[in-house]
Amino acid sequence: MSDRDNVTQLLARMSEGSPTAPDELLPLVYDDLRNLAHAYFGNEKSDHTLQATALVHEAYIRLVNWENVSWQNRAHFFAVAAEVMRKVLIDHARKRGAQKRSGGQRILLDDAVSLPKEKELDVLRLEEALSSLETVDPRQAKIVELRFFGGLSIEETAYVMNISETTVRREWTFAKAWFQRELTRD
Protein backbone atom coordinates (compact mmCIF):
# COMPACT_ATOMS: atom_id res chain seq x y z
CA MET A 1 0.00 0.00 0.00
CA SER A 2 1.34 3.46 -0.90
CA ASP A 3 1.92 6.27 1.57
CA ARG A 4 -0.86 8.17 -0.20
CA ASP A 5 -3.30 5.33 0.55
CA ASN A 6 -2.02 5.06 4.12
CA VAL A 7 -2.58 8.78 4.62
CA THR A 8 -6.15 8.51 3.36
CA GLN A 9 -6.83 5.54 5.65
CA LEU A 10 -5.35 7.32 8.66
CA LEU A 11 -7.39 10.43 7.90
CA ALA A 12 -10.52 8.28 7.82
CA ARG A 13 -9.54 6.81 11.19
CA MET A 14 -8.98 10.31 12.56
CA SER A 15 -12.44 11.31 11.34
CA GLU A 16 -13.81 8.33 13.24
CA GLY A 17 -12.07 9.50 16.41
CA SER A 18 -9.10 7.13 16.57
CA PRO A 19 -6.77 8.38 19.32
CA THR A 20 -3.69 6.80 17.68
CA ALA A 21 -4.26 7.98 14.09
CA PRO A 22 -2.73 11.48 14.54
CA ASP A 23 0.52 9.98 15.86
CA GLU A 24 0.61 7.49 12.99
CA LEU A 25 -0.20 10.16 10.42
CA LEU A 26 2.52 12.61 11.38
CA PRO A 27 5.49 10.62 10.00
CA LEU A 28 3.67 10.20 6.68
CA VAL A 29 2.87 13.88 6.15
CA TYR A 30 5.67 15.59 8.07
CA ASP A 31 8.16 15.83 5.20
CA ASP A 32 5.54 17.26 2.85
CA LEU A 33 4.46 19.80 5.46
CA ARG A 34 8.08 20.77 6.13
CA ASN A 35 8.76 21.15 2.40
CA LEU A 36 5.77 23.41 2.17
CA ALA A 37 6.92 25.46 5.16
CA HIS A 38 10.48 25.64 3.83
CA ALA A 39 9.14 27.03 0.57
CA TYR A 40 7.73 29.95 2.55
CA PHE A 41 10.95 30.59 4.41
CA GLY A 42 13.60 29.39 1.97
CA ASN A 43 14.76 32.79 0.77
CA GLU A 44 13.71 34.75 3.80
CA LYS A 45 16.04 36.91 5.82
CA SER A 46 17.69 35.01 8.65
CA ASP A 47 16.23 37.31 11.32
CA HIS A 48 12.64 36.07 11.02
CA THR A 49 11.10 34.84 14.25
CA LEU A 50 8.94 31.96 13.05
CA GLN A 51 10.81 28.87 11.89
CA ALA A 52 9.49 26.36 9.35
CA THR A 53 9.48 23.62 12.01
CA ALA A 54 7.38 25.76 14.34
CA LEU A 55 4.98 26.52 11.50
CA VAL A 56 4.59 22.80 10.74
CA HIS A 57 4.05 21.89 14.39
CA GLU A 58 1.53 24.66 15.03
CA ALA A 59 -0.40 23.83 11.86
CA TYR A 60 -0.40 20.10 12.60
CA ILE A 61 -1.62 20.62 16.16
CA ARG A 62 -4.45 22.79 14.88
CA LEU A 63 -5.34 20.22 12.20
CA VAL A 64 -5.49 17.16 14.43
CA ASN A 65 -7.36 18.92 17.22
CA TRP A 66 -10.37 19.63 15.06
CA GLU A 67 -13.42 17.66 16.00
CA ASN A 68 -16.13 16.50 13.64
CA VAL A 69 -13.94 16.82 10.55
CA SER A 70 -14.57 14.31 7.82
CA TRP A 71 -11.23 14.09 6.04
CA GLN A 72 -11.77 12.98 2.46
CA ASN A 73 -8.22 12.16 1.40
CA ARG A 74 -4.63 13.37 1.29
CA ALA A 75 -5.39 16.25 -1.10
CA HIS A 76 -8.17 17.47 1.20
CA PHE A 77 -5.81 17.32 4.18
CA PHE A 78 -3.14 19.38 2.43
CA ALA A 79 -5.71 21.88 1.17
CA VAL A 80 -6.84 22.45 4.74
CA ALA A 81 -3.20 22.44 5.92
CA ALA A 82 -2.48 25.26 3.45
CA GLU A 83 -5.27 27.32 4.92
CA VAL A 84 -4.14 26.60 8.47
CA MET A 85 -0.51 27.50 7.67
CA ARG A 86 -1.69 30.74 6.14
CA LYS A 87 -3.64 31.54 9.32
CA VAL A 88 -0.67 30.66 11.53
CA LEU A 89 1.54 33.02 9.54
CA ILE A 90 -1.05 35.80 9.70
CA ASP A 91 -1.64 35.28 13.43
CA HIS A 92 2.11 35.36 14.05
CA ALA A 93 2.59 38.55 12.04
CA ARG A 94 -0.32 40.24 13.78
CA LYS A 95 0.89 39.21 17.24
CA ARG A 96 4.22 40.78 16.53
CA GLY A 97 2.43 44.03 15.73
CA ALA A 98 4.45 44.13 12.58
CA GLN A 99 2.03 45.38 9.99
CA LYS A 100 3.76 48.62 9.13
CA ARG A 101 6.07 49.32 12.03
CA SER A 102 8.62 46.58 11.42
CA GLY A 103 7.67 45.18 8.05
CA GLY A 104 5.97 42.03 9.30
CA GLN A 105 6.87 38.42 8.82
CA ARG A 106 8.60 38.33 5.44
CA ILE A 107 8.25 35.62 2.86
CA LEU A 108 9.12 35.40 -0.78
CA LEU A 109 6.31 34.86 -3.21
CA ASP A 110 7.81 32.42 -5.66
CA ASP A 111 7.60 32.62 -9.39
CA ALA A 112 4.40 30.57 -9.24
CA VAL A 113 2.72 33.93 -8.94
CA SER A 114 5.07 35.42 -11.56
CA LEU A 115 6.93 37.85 -9.36
CA PRO A 116 10.69 38.19 -9.30
CA LYS A 117 12.30 35.97 -6.66
CA GLU A 118 13.94 39.02 -5.07
CA LYS A 119 10.56 40.60 -4.38
CA GLU A 120 10.03 40.27 -0.64
CA LEU A 121 6.48 40.28 0.51
CA ASP A 122 4.98 41.02 3.88
CA VAL A 123 2.65 38.23 5.02
CA LEU A 124 0.06 40.78 6.06
CA ARG A 125 0.24 42.41 2.63
CA LEU A 126 -0.24 39.00 1.03
CA GLU A 127 -3.24 38.39 3.30
CA GLU A 128 -4.67 41.79 2.37
CA ALA A 129 -4.27 41.05 -1.34
CA LEU A 130 -5.75 37.58 -0.97
CA SER A 131 -8.71 38.98 0.98
CA SER A 132 -9.20 41.59 -1.71
CA LEU A 133 -9.17 38.90 -4.41
CA GLU A 134 -11.64 36.91 -2.33
CA THR A 135 -14.15 39.77 -2.56
CA VAL A 136 -13.67 39.95 -6.33
CA ASP A 137 -13.52 36.21 -7.03
CA PRO A 138 -13.67 33.73 -4.13
CA ARG A 139 -12.85 30.76 -6.38
CA GLN A 140 -9.65 32.37 -7.65
CA ALA A 141 -8.65 33.24 -4.09
CA LYS A 142 -9.13 29.60 -3.07
CA ILE A 143 -7.04 28.46 -6.04
CA VAL A 144 -4.22 30.82 -5.00
CA GLU A 145 -4.46 29.56 -1.43
CA LEU A 146 -4.31 25.91 -2.51
CA ARG A 147 -1.56 26.38 -5.09
CA PHE A 148 0.65 28.86 -3.19
CA PHE A 149 0.08 28.00 0.45
CA GLY A 150 -0.87 24.37 -0.09
CA GLY A 151 1.58 23.57 -2.83
CA LEU A 152 -1.13 21.54 -4.55
CA SER A 153 -0.83 20.71 -8.23
CA ILE A 154 -3.38 21.78 -10.81
CA GLU A 155 -4.84 18.27 -10.67
CA GLU A 156 -5.07 18.20 -6.87
CA THR A 157 -6.59 21.67 -6.79
CA ALA A 158 -9.21 20.65 -9.35
CA TYR A 159 -10.04 17.57 -7.30
CA VAL A 160 -10.32 19.43 -3.99
CA MET A 161 -12.48 22.16 -5.52
CA ASN A 162 -14.50 19.76 -7.65
CA ILE A 163 -13.87 21.73 -10.85
CA SER A 164 -12.07 20.88 -14.07
CA GLU A 165 -8.32 21.13 -14.49
CA THR A 166 -8.93 23.48 -17.42
CA THR A 167 -10.89 25.80 -15.14
CA VAL A 168 -8.12 25.73 -12.54
CA ARG A 169 -5.48 26.54 -15.17
CA ARG A 170 -7.54 29.43 -16.56
CA GLU A 171 -8.38 30.85 -13.11
CA TRP A 172 -4.79 30.37 -11.90
CA THR A 173 -3.45 32.32 -14.88
CA PHE A 174 -5.84 35.19 -14.20
CA ALA A 175 -5.16 35.12 -10.45
CA LYS A 176 -1.37 35.24 -11.02
CA ALA A 177 -1.77 38.31 -13.22
CA TRP A 178 -4.06 39.94 -10.67
CA PHE A 179 -1.60 39.23 -7.85
CA GLN A 180 1.33 40.51 -9.86
CA ARG A 181 -0.50 43.80 -10.34
CA GLU A 182 -1.65 44.05 -6.71
CA LEU A 183 1.62 43.09 -5.06
CA THR A 184 3.86 45.29 -7.17
CA ARG A 185 1.88 48.44 -6.38
CA ASP A 186 3.71 50.83 -4.09
C-alpha atoms as a PDB file:
ATOM      1  CA  MET A   1       0.000   0.000   0.000  1.00  0.00           C
ATOM      2  CA  SER A   2       1.342   3.456  -0.902  1.00  0.00           C
ATOM      3  CA  ASP A   3       1.921   6.268   1.566  1.00  0.00           C
ATOM      4  CA  ARG A   4      -0.865   8.174  -0.196  1.00  0.00           C
ATOM      5  CA  ASP A   5      -3.305   5.333   0.545  1.00  0.00           C
ATOM      6  CA  ASN A   6      -2.024   5.057   4.121  1.00  0.00           C
ATOM      7  CA  VAL A   7      -2.582   8.783   4.624  1.00  0.00           C
ATOM      8  CA  THR A   8      -6.148   8.507   3.356  1.00  0.00           C
ATOM      9  CA  GLN A   9      -6.832   5.539   5.649  1.00  0.00           C
ATOM     10  CA  LEU A  10      -5.352   7.315   8.663  1.00  0.00           C
ATOM     11  CA  LEU A  11      -7.387  10.435   7.902  1.00  0.00           C
ATOM     12  CA  ALA A  12     -10.524   8.281   7.816  1.00  0.00           C
ATOM     13  CA  ARG A  13      -9.545   6.811  11.188  1.00  0.00           C
ATOM     14  CA  MET A  14      -8.980  10.312  12.560  1.00  0.00           C
ATOM     15  CA  SER A  15     -12.437  11.311  11.336  1.00  0.00           C
ATOM     16  CA  GLU A  16     -13.807   8.327  13.244  1.00  0.00           C
ATOM     17  CA  GLY A  17     -12.067   9.501  16.415  1.00  0.00           C
ATOM     18  CA  SER A  18      -9.100   7.127  16.571  1.00  0.00           C
ATOM     19  CA  PRO A  19      -6.767   8.379  19.324  1.00  0.00           C
ATOM     20  CA  THR A  20      -3.694   6.803  17.684  1.00  0.00           C
ATOM     21  CA  ALA A  21      -4.265   7.975  14.093  1.00  0.00           C
ATOM     22  CA  PRO A  22      -2.727  11.478  14.539  1.00  0.00           C
ATOM     23  CA  ASP A  23       0.520   9.981  15.860  1.00  0.00           C
ATOM     24  CA  GLU A  24       0.613   7.488  12.990  1.00  0.00           C
ATOM     25  CA  LEU A  25      -0.201  10.156  10.422  1.00  0.00           C
ATOM     26  CA  LEU A  26       2.522  12.614  11.383  1.00  0.00           C
ATOM     27  CA  PRO A  27       5.490  10.620  10.003  1.00  0.00           C
ATOM     28  CA  LEU A  28       3.673  10.196   6.683  1.00  0.00           C
ATOM     29  CA  VAL A  29       2.870  13.882   6.147  1.00  0.00           C
ATOM     30  CA  TYR A  30       5.666  15.589   8.071  1.00  0.00           C
ATOM     31  CA  ASP A  31       8.161  15.830   5.198  1.00  0.00           C
ATOM     32  CA  ASP A  32       5.538  17.256   2.847  1.00  0.00           C
ATOM     33  CA  LEU A  33       4.459  19.798   5.459  1.00  0.00           C
ATOM     34  CA  ARG A  34       8.085  20.768   6.125  1.00  0.00           C
ATOM     35  CA  ASN A  35       8.764  21.153   2.399  1.00  0.00           C
ATOM     36  CA  LEU A  36       5.766  23.415   2.169  1.00  0.00           C
ATOM     37  CA  ALA A  37       6.917  25.461   5.162  1.00  0.00           C
ATOM     38  CA  HIS A  38      10.484  25.644   3.830  1.00  0.00           C
ATOM     39  CA  ALA A  39       9.142  27.026   0.570  1.00  0.00           C
ATOM     40  CA  TYR A  40       7.734  29.953   2.545  1.00  0.00           C
ATOM     41  CA  PHE A  41      10.947  30.593   4.414  1.00  0.00           C
ATOM     42  CA  GLY A  42      13.603  29.386   1.966  1.00  0.00           C
ATOM     43  CA  ASN A  43      14.757  32.788   0.766  1.00  0.00           C
ATOM     44  CA  GLU A  44      13.710  34.752   3.800  1.00  0.00           C
ATOM     45  CA  LYS A  45      16.043  36.911   5.820  1.00  0.00           C
ATOM     46  CA  SER A  46      17.686  35.008   8.646  1.00  0.00           C
ATOM     47  CA  ASP A  47      16.226  37.305  11.319  1.00  0.00           C
ATOM     48  CA  HIS A  48      12.645  36.067  11.018  1.00  0.00           C
ATOM     49  CA  THR A  49      11.104  34.841  14.247  1.00  0.00           C
ATOM     50  CA  LEU A  50       8.944  31.958  13.048  1.00  0.00           C
ATOM     51  CA  GLN A  51      10.812  28.872  11.889  1.00  0.00           C
ATOM     52  CA  ALA A  52       9.493  26.360   9.355  1.00  0.00           C
ATOM     53  CA  THR A  53       9.480  23.620  12.008  1.00  0.00           C
ATOM     54  CA  ALA A  54       7.381  25.761  14.343  1.00  0.00           C
ATOM     55  CA  LEU A  55       4.980  26.518  11.501  1.00  0.00           C
ATOM     56  CA  VAL A  56       4.591  22.799  10.740  1.00  0.00           C
ATOM     57  CA  HIS A  57       4.053  21.890  14.390  1.00  0.00           C
ATOM     58  CA  GLU A  58       1.535  24.659  15.032  1.00  0.00           C
ATOM     59  CA  ALA A  59      -0.404  23.829  11.863  1.00  0.00           C
ATOM     60  CA  TYR A  60      -0.398  20.101  12.604  1.00  0.00           C
ATOM     61  CA  ILE A  61      -1.616  20.620  16.161  1.00  0.00           C
ATOM     62  CA  ARG A  62      -4.451  22.787  14.880  1.00  0.00           C
ATOM     63  CA  LEU A  63      -5.344  20.224  12.201  1.00  0.00           C
ATOM     64  CA  VAL A  64      -5.487  17.161  14.433  1.00  0.00           C
ATOM     65  CA  ASN A  65      -7.357  18.916  17.224  1.00  0.00           C
ATOM     66  CA  TRP A  66     -10.370  19.629  15.059  1.00  0.00           C
ATOM     67  CA  GLU A  67     -13.425  17.663  16.001  1.00  0.00           C
ATOM     68  CA  ASN A  68     -16.132  16.499  13.636  1.00  0.00           C
ATOM     69  CA  VAL A  69     -13.935  16.818  10.545  1.00  0.00           C
ATOM     70  CA  SER A  70     -14.570  14.312   7.816  1.00  0.00           C
ATOM     71  CA  TRP A  71     -11.229  14.088   6.045  1.00  0.00           C
ATOM     72  CA  GLN A  72     -11.774  12.980   2.455  1.00  0.00           C
ATOM     73  CA  ASN A  73      -8.218  12.161   1.398  1.00  0.00           C
ATOM     74  CA  ARG A  74      -4.631  13.371   1.290  1.00  0.00           C
ATOM     75  CA  ALA A  75      -5.393  16.253  -1.096  1.00  0.00           C
ATOM     76  CA  HIS A  76      -8.170  17.472   1.197  1.00  0.00           C
ATOM     77  CA  PHE A  77      -5.813  17.319   4.182  1.00  0.00           C
ATOM     78  CA  PHE A  78      -3.138  19.379   2.426  1.00  0.00           C
ATOM     79  CA  ALA A  79      -5.708  21.881   1.171  1.00  0.00           C
ATOM     80  CA  VAL A  80      -6.837  22.454   4.744  1.00  0.00           C
ATOM     81  CA  ALA A  81      -3.202  22.444   5.918  1.00  0.00           C
ATOM     82  CA  ALA A  82      -2.479  25.257   3.455  1.00  0.00           C
ATOM     83  CA  GLU A  83      -5.273  27.323   4.918  1.00  0.00           C
ATOM     84  CA  VAL A  84      -4.141  26.600   8.466  1.00  0.00           C
ATOM     85  CA  MET A  85      -0.508  27.501   7.673  1.00  0.00           C
ATOM     86  CA  ARG A  86      -1.694  30.738   6.144  1.00  0.00           C
ATOM     87  CA  LYS A  87      -3.644  31.538   9.318  1.00  0.00           C
ATOM     88  CA  VAL A  88      -0.673  30.656  11.531  1.00  0.00           C
ATOM     89  CA  LEU A  89       1.540  33.021   9.537  1.00  0.00           C
ATOM     90  CA  ILE A  90      -1.046  35.805   9.698  1.00  0.00           C
ATOM     91  CA  ASP A  91      -1.635  35.281  13.427  1.00  0.00           C
ATOM     92  CA  HIS A  92       2.109  35.363  14.051  1.00  0.00           C
ATOM     93  CA  ALA A  93       2.587  38.545  12.042  1.00  0.00           C
ATOM     94  CA  ARG A  94      -0.319  40.239  13.783  1.00  0.00           C
ATOM     95  CA  LYS A  95       0.894  39.208  17.237  1.00  0.00           C
ATOM     96  CA  ARG A  96       4.223  40.776  16.528  1.00  0.00           C
ATOM     97  CA  GLY A  97       2.433  44.026  15.732  1.00  0.00           C
ATOM     98  CA  ALA A  98       4.447  44.126  12.577  1.00  0.00           C
ATOM     99  CA  GLN A  99       2.026  45.377   9.995  1.00  0.00           C
ATOM    100  CA  LYS A 100       3.762  48.621   9.128  1.00  0.00           C
ATOM    101  CA  ARG A 101       6.074  49.316  12.034  1.00  0.00           C
ATOM    102  CA  SER A 102       8.624  46.577  11.416  1.00  0.00           C
ATOM    103  CA  GLY A 103       7.675  45.176   8.053  1.00  0.00           C
ATOM    104  CA  GLY A 104       5.965  42.030   9.300  1.00  0.00           C
ATOM    105  CA  GLN A 105       6.874  38.417   8.817  1.00  0.00           C
ATOM    106  CA  ARG A 106       8.596  38.329   5.442  1.00  0.00           C
ATOM    107  CA  ILE A 107       8.253  35.621   2.862  1.00  0.00           C
ATOM    108  CA  LEU A 108       9.117  35.404  -0.783  1.00  0.00           C
ATOM    109  CA  LEU A 109       6.307  34.864  -3.213  1.00  0.00           C
ATOM    110  CA  ASP A 110       7.814  32.420  -5.657  1.00  0.00           C
ATOM    111  CA  ASP A 111       7.598  32.616  -9.392  1.00  0.00           C
ATOM    112  CA  ALA A 112       4.396  30.568  -9.236  1.00  0.00           C
ATOM    113  CA  VAL A 113       2.725  33.933  -8.940  1.00  0.00           C
ATOM    114  CA  SER A 114       5.065  35.416 -11.563  1.00  0.00           C
ATOM    115  CA  LEU A 115       6.931  37.848  -9.358  1.00  0.00           C
ATOM    116  CA  PRO A 116      10.692  38.193  -9.305  1.00  0.00           C
ATOM    117  CA  LYS A 117      12.301  35.971  -6.659  1.00  0.00           C
ATOM    118  CA  GLU A 118      13.935  39.016  -5.074  1.00  0.00           C
ATOM    119  CA  LYS A 119      10.558  40.597  -4.376  1.00  0.00           C
ATOM    120  CA  GLU A 120      10.032  40.266  -0.641  1.00  0.00           C
ATOM    121  CA  LEU A 121       6.478  40.284   0.510  1.00  0.00           C
ATOM    122  CA  ASP A 122       4.979  41.019   3.877  1.00  0.00           C
ATOM    123  CA  VAL A 123       2.652  38.234   5.016  1.00  0.00           C
ATOM    124  CA  LEU A 124       0.062  40.778   6.063  1.00  0.00           C
ATOM    125  CA  ARG A 125       0.245  42.411   2.635  1.00  0.00           C
ATOM    126  CA  LEU A 126      -0.243  39.002   1.034  1.00  0.00           C
ATOM    127  CA  GLU A 127      -3.240  38.394   3.298  1.00  0.00           C
ATOM    128  CA  GLU A 128      -4.673  41.788   2.371  1.00  0.00           C
ATOM    129  CA  ALA A 129      -4.265  41.055  -1.343  1.00  0.00           C
ATOM    130  CA  LEU A 130      -5.755  37.579  -0.971  1.00  0.00           C
ATOM    131  CA  SER A 131      -8.707  38.978   0.984  1.00  0.00           C
ATOM    132  CA  SER A 132      -9.199  41.588  -1.711  1.00  0.00           C
ATOM    133  CA  LEU A 133      -9.174  38.901  -4.409  1.00  0.00           C
ATOM    134  CA  GLU A 134     -11.638  36.914  -2.328  1.00  0.00           C
ATOM    135  CA  THR A 135     -14.152  39.771  -2.560  1.00  0.00           C
ATOM    136  CA  VAL A 136     -13.667  39.948  -6.332  1.00  0.00           C
ATOM    137  CA  ASP A 137     -13.516  36.206  -7.034  1.00  0.00           C
ATOM    138  CA  PRO A 138     -13.668  33.725  -4.131  1.00  0.00           C
ATOM    139  CA  ARG A 139     -12.846  30.764  -6.382  1.00  0.00           C
ATOM    140  CA  GLN A 140      -9.651  32.367  -7.651  1.00  0.00           C
ATOM    141  CA  ALA A 141      -8.648  33.240  -4.093  1.00  0.00           C
ATOM    142  CA  LYS A 142      -9.132  29.604  -3.067  1.00  0.00           C
ATOM    143  CA  ILE A 143      -7.039  28.462  -6.037  1.00  0.00           C
ATOM    144  CA  VAL A 144      -4.222  30.822  -5.002  1.00  0.00           C
ATOM    145  CA  GLU A 145      -4.456  29.556  -1.430  1.00  0.00           C
ATOM    146  CA  LEU A 146      -4.308  25.911  -2.506  1.00  0.00           C
ATOM    147  CA  ARG A 147      -1.557  26.385  -5.094  1.00  0.00           C
ATOM    148  CA  PHE A 148       0.647  28.855  -3.189  1.00  0.00           C
ATOM    149  CA  PHE A 149       0.084  27.998   0.451  1.00  0.00           C
ATOM    150  CA  GLY A 150      -0.868  24.371  -0.095  1.00  0.00           C
ATOM    151  CA  GLY A 151       1.578  23.569  -2.829  1.00  0.00           C
ATOM    152  CA  LEU A 152      -1.126  21.545  -4.553  1.00  0.00           C
ATOM    153  CA  SER A 153      -0.835  20.712  -8.230  1.00  0.00           C
ATOM    154  CA  ILE A 154      -3.377  21.780 -10.813  1.00  0.00           C
ATOM    155  CA  GLU A 155      -4.841  18.274 -10.671  1.00  0.00           C
ATOM    156  CA  GLU A 156      -5.068  18.202  -6.872  1.00  0.00           C
ATOM    157  CA  THR A 157      -6.588  21.674  -6.786  1.00  0.00           C
ATOM    158  CA  ALA A 158      -9.213  20.653  -9.346  1.00  0.00           C
ATOM    159  CA  TYR A 159     -10.038  17.571  -7.297  1.00  0.00           C
ATOM    160  CA  VAL A 160     -10.322  19.431  -3.993  1.00  0.00           C
ATOM    161  CA  MET A 161     -12.476  22.165  -5.519  1.00  0.00           C
ATOM    162  CA  ASN A 162     -14.501  19.758  -7.647  1.00  0.00           C
ATOM    163  CA  ILE A 163     -13.871  21.733 -10.851  1.00  0.00           C
ATOM    164  CA  SER A 164     -12.071  20.876 -14.074  1.00  0.00           C
ATOM    165  CA  GLU A 165      -8.316  21.133 -14.493  1.00  0.00           C
ATOM    166  CA  THR A 166      -8.930  23.482 -17.424  1.00  0.00           C
ATOM    167  CA  THR A 167     -10.886  25.804 -15.142  1.00  0.00           C
ATOM    168  CA  VAL A 168      -8.117  25.727 -12.535  1.00  0.00           C
ATOM    169  CA  ARG A 169      -5.475  26.543 -15.174  1.00  0.00           C
ATOM    170  CA  ARG A 170      -7.535  29.429 -16.556  1.00  0.00           C
ATOM    171  CA  GLU A 171      -8.376  30.846 -13.113  1.00  0.00           C
ATOM    172  CA  TRP A 172      -4.786  30.366 -11.904  1.00  0.00           C
ATOM    173  CA  THR A 173      -3.452  32.322 -14.885  1.00  0.00           C
ATOM    174  CA  PHE A 174      -5.843  35.189 -14.196  1.00  0.00           C
ATOM    175  CA  ALA A 175      -5.156  35.123 -10.452  1.00  0.00           C
ATOM    176  CA  LYS A 176      -1.375  35.238 -11.021  1.00  0.00           C
ATOM    177  CA  ALA A 177      -1.769  38.308 -13.223  1.00  0.00           C
ATOM    178  CA  TRP A 178      -4.062  39.937 -10.668  1.00  0.00           C
ATOM    179  CA  PHE A 179      -1.604  39.233  -7.845  1.00  0.00           C
ATOM    180  CA  GLN A 180       1.334  40.514  -9.855  1.00  0.00           C
ATOM    181  CA  ARG A 181      -0.498  43.805 -10.339  1.00  0.00           C
ATOM    182  CA  GLU A 182      -1.646  44.050  -6.712  1.00  0.00           C
ATOM    183  CA  LEU A 183       1.617  43.094  -5.064  1.00  0.00           C
ATOM    184  CA  THR A 184       3.864  45.293  -7.169  1.00  0.00           C
ATOM    185  CA  ARG A 185       1.876  48.436  -6.378  1.00  0.00           C
ATOM    186  CA  ASP A 186       3.710  50.833  -4.086  1.00  0.00           C
END
